[in-house]
Protein backbone atom coordinates (compact mmCIF):
# COMPACT_ATOMS: atom_id res chain seq x y z
CA MET A 1 38.09 103.77 62.95
CA ALA A 2 37.19 100.95 60.67
CA THR A 3 33.92 100.58 62.49
CA LEU A 4 33.18 104.26 62.00
CA SER A 5 33.98 104.09 58.29
CA MET A 6 31.77 101.05 57.94
CA GLY A 7 28.93 102.86 59.66
CA ILE A 8 29.24 105.86 57.39
CA ALA A 9 29.22 103.64 54.30
CA VAL A 10 26.11 101.78 55.48
CA SER A 11 24.35 105.04 56.29
CA ALA A 12 25.21 106.48 52.88
CA THR A 13 23.98 103.33 51.17
CA ALA A 14 20.72 103.43 53.12
CA ALA A 15 20.25 107.07 52.23
CA LEU A 16 20.76 106.33 48.57
CA ARG A 17 18.30 103.43 48.68
CA SER A 18 15.64 105.47 50.47
CA THR A 19 15.88 108.30 47.93
CA THR A 20 13.82 107.59 44.75
CA ILE A 21 14.13 109.67 41.62
CA LYS A 22 10.72 110.61 40.24
CA ARG A 23 10.59 110.59 36.46
CA THR A 24 8.59 113.36 34.91
CA HIS A 25 6.43 111.98 32.10
CA PHE A 26 6.11 114.72 29.49
CA ARG A 27 6.91 115.12 25.84
CA PHE A 28 8.46 118.06 24.15
CA LYS A 29 6.01 119.66 21.71
CA VAL A 30 7.59 121.37 18.78
CA SER A 31 5.45 124.40 18.04
CA CYS A 32 7.63 125.78 15.34
CA VAL A 33 10.82 125.09 13.55
CA GLN A 34 12.38 128.05 15.33
CA TRP A 35 12.55 128.54 19.07
CA ASP A 36 9.12 129.49 20.41
CA PRO A 37 8.89 128.48 24.10
CA GLU A 38 5.85 130.69 24.75
CA GLY A 39 3.84 129.15 21.92
CA ILE A 40 3.27 132.51 20.28
CA LEU A 41 3.37 131.11 16.75
CA GLY A 42 0.76 128.49 17.55
CA ALA A 43 0.55 124.84 16.65
CA PRO A 44 2.11 123.69 13.40
CA GLN A 45 -0.16 123.45 10.36
CA THR A 46 -0.30 120.09 8.67
CA GLY A 47 -1.37 119.04 5.19
CA HIS A 48 1.33 120.84 3.22
CA LEU A 49 1.83 117.88 0.90
CA ALA A 50 -1.90 117.55 0.32
CA ARG A 51 -2.19 121.24 -0.55
CA LEU A 52 0.75 121.04 -2.93
CA GLU A 53 -0.75 117.98 -4.61
CA PHE A 54 -4.11 119.73 -4.90
CA LYS A 55 -2.42 122.76 -6.46
CA ARG A 56 -0.56 120.59 -8.95
CA ARG A 57 -3.80 118.79 -9.79
CA LEU A 58 -5.55 122.08 -10.43
CA GLU A 59 -2.73 123.13 -12.72
CA ARG A 60 -2.91 119.82 -14.58
CA ASP A 61 -6.70 120.07 -14.82
CA ALA A 62 -6.44 123.64 -16.08
CA GLU A 63 -3.96 122.57 -18.74
CA ALA A 64 -6.13 119.60 -19.72
CA ARG A 65 -9.24 121.78 -19.83
CA GLU A 66 -7.47 124.36 -21.96
CA ALA A 67 -6.23 121.65 -24.31
CA PHE A 68 -9.73 120.19 -24.57
CA GLU A 69 -11.30 123.58 -25.24
CA GLN A 70 -8.67 124.28 -27.88
CA HIS A 71 -9.45 120.93 -29.49
CA LEU A 72 -13.15 121.81 -29.55
CA ARG A 73 -12.42 125.17 -31.14
CA GLN A 74 -10.22 123.58 -33.78
CA GLU A 75 -12.82 120.90 -34.49
CA LYS A 76 -15.53 123.53 -34.79
CA GLU A 77 -13.42 125.55 -37.22
CA ARG A 78 -12.62 122.43 -39.22
CA ARG A 79 -16.26 121.43 -39.50
CA GLN A 80 -17.30 124.96 -40.39
CA ALA A 81 -14.69 125.11 -43.14
CA LEU A 82 -15.77 121.69 -44.41
CA ARG A 83 -19.41 122.78 -44.57
CA GLN A 84 -18.55 125.87 -46.56
CA SER A 85 -16.30 123.98 -48.96
CA ARG A 86 -18.85 121.33 -49.93
CA GLU A 87 -20.88 121.92 -53.08
CA ILE A 88 -24.54 121.00 -53.01
CA PRO A 89 -25.31 118.46 -55.79
CA ASP A 90 -28.14 118.85 -58.28
CA THR A 91 -29.45 115.34 -58.95
CA PRO A 92 -30.80 112.70 -56.53
CA GLY A 93 -28.01 110.31 -57.50
CA GLU A 94 -25.35 112.88 -56.70
CA LEU A 95 -27.15 113.73 -53.47
CA ILE A 96 -26.94 110.08 -52.42
CA GLU A 97 -23.17 110.14 -52.92
CA TYR A 98 -23.04 113.45 -51.07
CA PHE A 99 -24.62 111.90 -47.97
CA LEU A 100 -22.48 108.77 -48.23
CA ASP A 101 -19.40 111.02 -48.06
CA THR A 102 -20.78 112.95 -45.08
CA GLU A 103 -19.26 112.38 -41.65
CA ALA A 104 -21.57 110.77 -39.10
CA GLN A 105 -21.61 113.81 -36.81
CA GLU A 106 -22.57 116.04 -39.74
CA ILE A 107 -25.62 114.07 -40.87
CA GLU A 108 -28.07 116.03 -38.71
CA PHE A 109 -26.74 119.35 -39.97
CA GLU A 110 -26.92 118.24 -43.61
CA ILE A 111 -30.47 116.95 -43.14
CA ALA A 112 -31.52 120.33 -41.75
CA ARG A 113 -29.72 122.20 -44.53
CA LEU A 114 -31.01 119.99 -47.36
CA ARG A 115 -34.43 119.14 -45.96
CA GLN A 116 -36.18 120.56 -49.04
CA ARG A 117 -34.14 118.25 -51.27
CA LEU A 118 -35.02 115.16 -49.22
CA ASN A 119 -38.39 114.80 -50.88
CA GLU A 120 -40.38 111.99 -52.44
CA GLU A 121 -38.31 112.12 -55.62
CA PHE A 122 -35.08 111.59 -53.70
CA PHE A 123 -36.36 108.69 -51.59
CA SER A 124 -37.89 107.06 -54.67
CA HIS A 125 -34.51 107.20 -56.41
CA LEU A 126 -32.78 105.81 -53.33
CA LYS A 127 -35.31 103.00 -53.08
CA PHE A 128 -34.84 102.24 -56.79
CA GLU A 129 -31.06 101.89 -56.40
CA ILE A 130 -31.51 99.60 -53.41
CA GLY A 131 -33.95 97.44 -55.36
CA GLN A 132 -31.62 97.13 -58.33
CA ILE A 133 -28.84 95.72 -56.17
CA ARG A 134 -31.06 93.63 -53.92
CA PHE A 135 -32.78 91.81 -56.80
CA ALA A 136 -29.74 91.50 -59.05
CA VAL A 137 -29.16 88.03 -60.46
CA SER A 138 -25.49 88.00 -59.52
CA LYS A 139 -23.91 90.16 -56.83
CA THR A 140 -20.30 91.02 -56.27
CA GLU A 141 -18.76 91.84 -52.93
CA ASP A 142 -18.73 95.53 -53.85
CA MET A 143 -22.43 95.35 -54.65
CA GLU A 144 -23.13 93.75 -51.26
CA ASP A 145 -21.19 96.52 -49.52
CA ARG A 146 -23.01 99.13 -51.56
CA LEU A 147 -26.36 97.62 -50.58
CA ILE A 148 -25.47 97.76 -46.90
CA GLU A 149 -24.42 101.42 -47.23
CA LEU A 150 -27.58 102.42 -49.10
CA GLU A 151 -29.90 100.65 -46.66
CA ALA A 152 -28.16 102.27 -43.69
CA LEU A 153 -28.36 105.66 -45.40
CA GLN A 154 -32.04 105.18 -46.16
CA LYS A 155 -32.81 104.41 -42.53
CA ALA A 156 -30.72 107.31 -41.22
CA LEU A 157 -32.30 109.84 -43.58
CA GLN A 158 -35.85 108.66 -42.92
CA GLU A 159 -35.41 108.81 -39.16
CA GLY A 160 -33.54 112.11 -39.42
CA THR A 161 -36.17 113.84 -41.55
CA GLU A 162 -38.98 112.61 -39.28
CA ALA A 163 -37.17 113.94 -36.20
CA PHE A 164 -36.43 117.25 -37.93
CA ASP A 165 -40.04 117.71 -39.05
CA LYS A 166 -41.30 116.94 -35.55
CA MET A 167 -38.84 119.39 -34.04
CA GLN A 168 -39.93 122.11 -36.45
CA ALA A 169 -43.61 121.47 -35.71
CA ASP A 170 -42.94 121.53 -31.96
CA LEU A 171 -41.00 124.77 -32.35
CA ILE A 172 -43.84 126.46 -34.22
CA THR A 173 -46.34 125.29 -31.60
CA ALA A 174 -44.01 126.43 -28.82
CA LYS A 175 -43.76 129.93 -30.31
CA GLN A 176 -47.54 130.16 -30.51
CA SER A 177 -47.90 128.91 -26.92
CA LEU A 178 -45.29 131.34 -25.64
CA THR A 179 -47.04 134.24 -27.35
CA LYS A 180 -50.30 133.14 -25.76
CA ILE A 181 -48.71 133.00 -22.32
CA LEU A 182 -46.87 136.32 -22.53
CA THR A 183 -50.00 138.14 -23.70
CA SER A 184 -52.24 136.51 -21.10
CA LYS A 185 -53.69 138.60 -18.27
CA ASP A 186 -53.81 135.58 -15.97
CA ILE A 187 -50.65 133.56 -16.58
CA LYS A 188 -51.36 130.93 -13.94
CA THR A 189 -54.82 130.10 -15.29
CA THR A 190 -53.49 129.98 -18.84
CA LEU A 191 -50.74 127.58 -17.82
CA PHE A 192 -53.15 125.23 -16.07
CA GLU A 193 -55.36 125.22 -19.15
CA MET A 194 -52.34 124.37 -21.29
CA VAL A 195 -51.49 121.52 -18.93
CA GLU A 196 -54.97 120.09 -19.39
CA ARG A 197 -54.48 120.22 -23.17
CA ASN A 198 -50.96 118.76 -22.83
CA GLU A 199 -49.41 121.82 -24.47
CA LEU A 200 -46.48 122.19 -22.08
CA ASN A 201 -43.57 120.32 -23.65
CA ARG A 202 -39.80 120.45 -23.75
CA SER A 203 -39.76 122.71 -26.82
CA LEU A 204 -41.80 125.34 -24.98
CA LEU A 205 -39.56 125.20 -21.93
CA THR A 206 -36.45 125.45 -24.13
CA LEU A 207 -37.88 128.48 -25.90
CA LEU A 208 -38.82 129.94 -22.54
CA ASP A 209 -35.26 129.51 -21.25
CA GLU A 210 -33.96 131.38 -24.30
CA ASN A 211 -36.37 134.25 -23.66
CA ILE A 212 -35.34 134.40 -20.00
CA ALA A 213 -31.67 134.55 -20.96
CA ASN A 214 -32.33 137.27 -23.53
CA ALA A 215 -34.38 139.24 -21.02
CA HIS A 216 -31.57 139.22 -18.47
CA MET A 217 -28.88 140.00 -21.03
CA GLY A 218 -30.85 142.74 -22.73
CA ASN A 219 -32.04 146.06 -21.39
CA GLN A 220 -35.62 144.98 -20.80
CA HIS A 221 -37.77 146.59 -18.16
CA LEU A 222 -37.68 145.06 -14.69
CA SER A 223 -41.36 144.13 -14.85
CA SER A 224 -40.72 142.11 -18.01
CA LYS A 225 -37.92 140.20 -16.30
CA ARG A 226 -40.13 139.48 -13.31
CA LYS A 227 -42.93 138.35 -15.56
CA ILE A 228 -40.67 135.92 -17.42
CA ASP A 229 -39.10 134.67 -14.17
CA SER A 230 -42.55 134.08 -12.71
CA LEU A 231 -43.54 132.31 -15.90
CA ALA A 232 -40.53 130.01 -15.65
CA PHE A 233 -41.39 129.20 -12.06
CA PHE A 234 -44.97 128.35 -12.96
CA CYS A 235 -43.88 126.16 -15.88
CA VAL A 236 -41.50 124.14 -13.72
CA PHE A 237 -44.05 123.92 -10.91
CA ILE A 238 -46.87 122.76 -13.17
CA GLN A 239 -44.65 120.25 -14.93
CA GLN A 240 -43.65 118.76 -11.58
CA GLU A 241 -47.28 118.62 -10.48
CA GLU A 242 -48.20 116.94 -13.75
CA CYS A 243 -45.55 114.26 -13.20
CA CYS A 244 -47.05 113.47 -9.81
CA ILE A 245 -50.56 112.93 -11.21
CA PRO A 246 -51.15 109.22 -11.85
CA SER A 247 -52.53 108.26 -15.22
CA LEU A 248 -56.15 107.10 -15.12
C-alpha cells in the first residue's frame, strides 16, 4: 500500500513537472475611461494639456493686445489734444522755445505744420543765439546746457526740413508720374521708359498702393480695378528687374 501511494505521488510529481504554463505576453490597452471592449470609441486623444495651455496663451495674448491697442488709442488722443492746445508763437525767439518744449516724437509733425515759419529768418536767429553763447567770454553751466540744446535743435530742424522738402517734391513728382501712367494707352511701355529715366521710386509706389486701396474700397468700375492691379504688378515686376541689373 505504501508502495502504491509512493508510485502515485511520483507520477503526480512527474505530471506536474512535465506540464508548463505558457505565459501570454500582452498588455491591456485602455481605449477609454469607460468600458469599451470593442474599441468603438477609438484610441484616446492626447495633448489636452498642450491645448489648454495654447488656449490660455491666446487669452493672455488677446488681453495683452487689447491693452496695447487701448494704450495706443489713449496716446493718440493725448497727442491730438496736446497739438490742439498749443499756441503757435509769433517771433523766432518764441518759436525756438516752442520747439525746445516739443516732445521728440512730435518734432516731425511740428516741422510739417510750421514749415513756412522755418525760413531763413528763423535759422538766422537761431544761429545768432548759438553764436552769442559759444563766443561768450564767461560761460555758466546753464549757458553750456543751453548751447547743447540749441545746437541739437538746429541740427534736428535742418535735417527735418530737408527731409520734409524732399518728401514733398517726391510726392508732387509721384502724382505727375501716376497721372502719366493712368492716362497712358500702353502702360507697359510707359513704365519701361520711366525705369530708364529712374522715375519709379518709393513715393510713386506708395501713392499707387493708396489708389489701389481706394479703387477696391470705392465703387469703381471693374476695368479700372483691373487696370490699377495690372499697373501694380508691372511696377513691382519692373522694380525687381531693375534691382537685378548690375550697374555699369
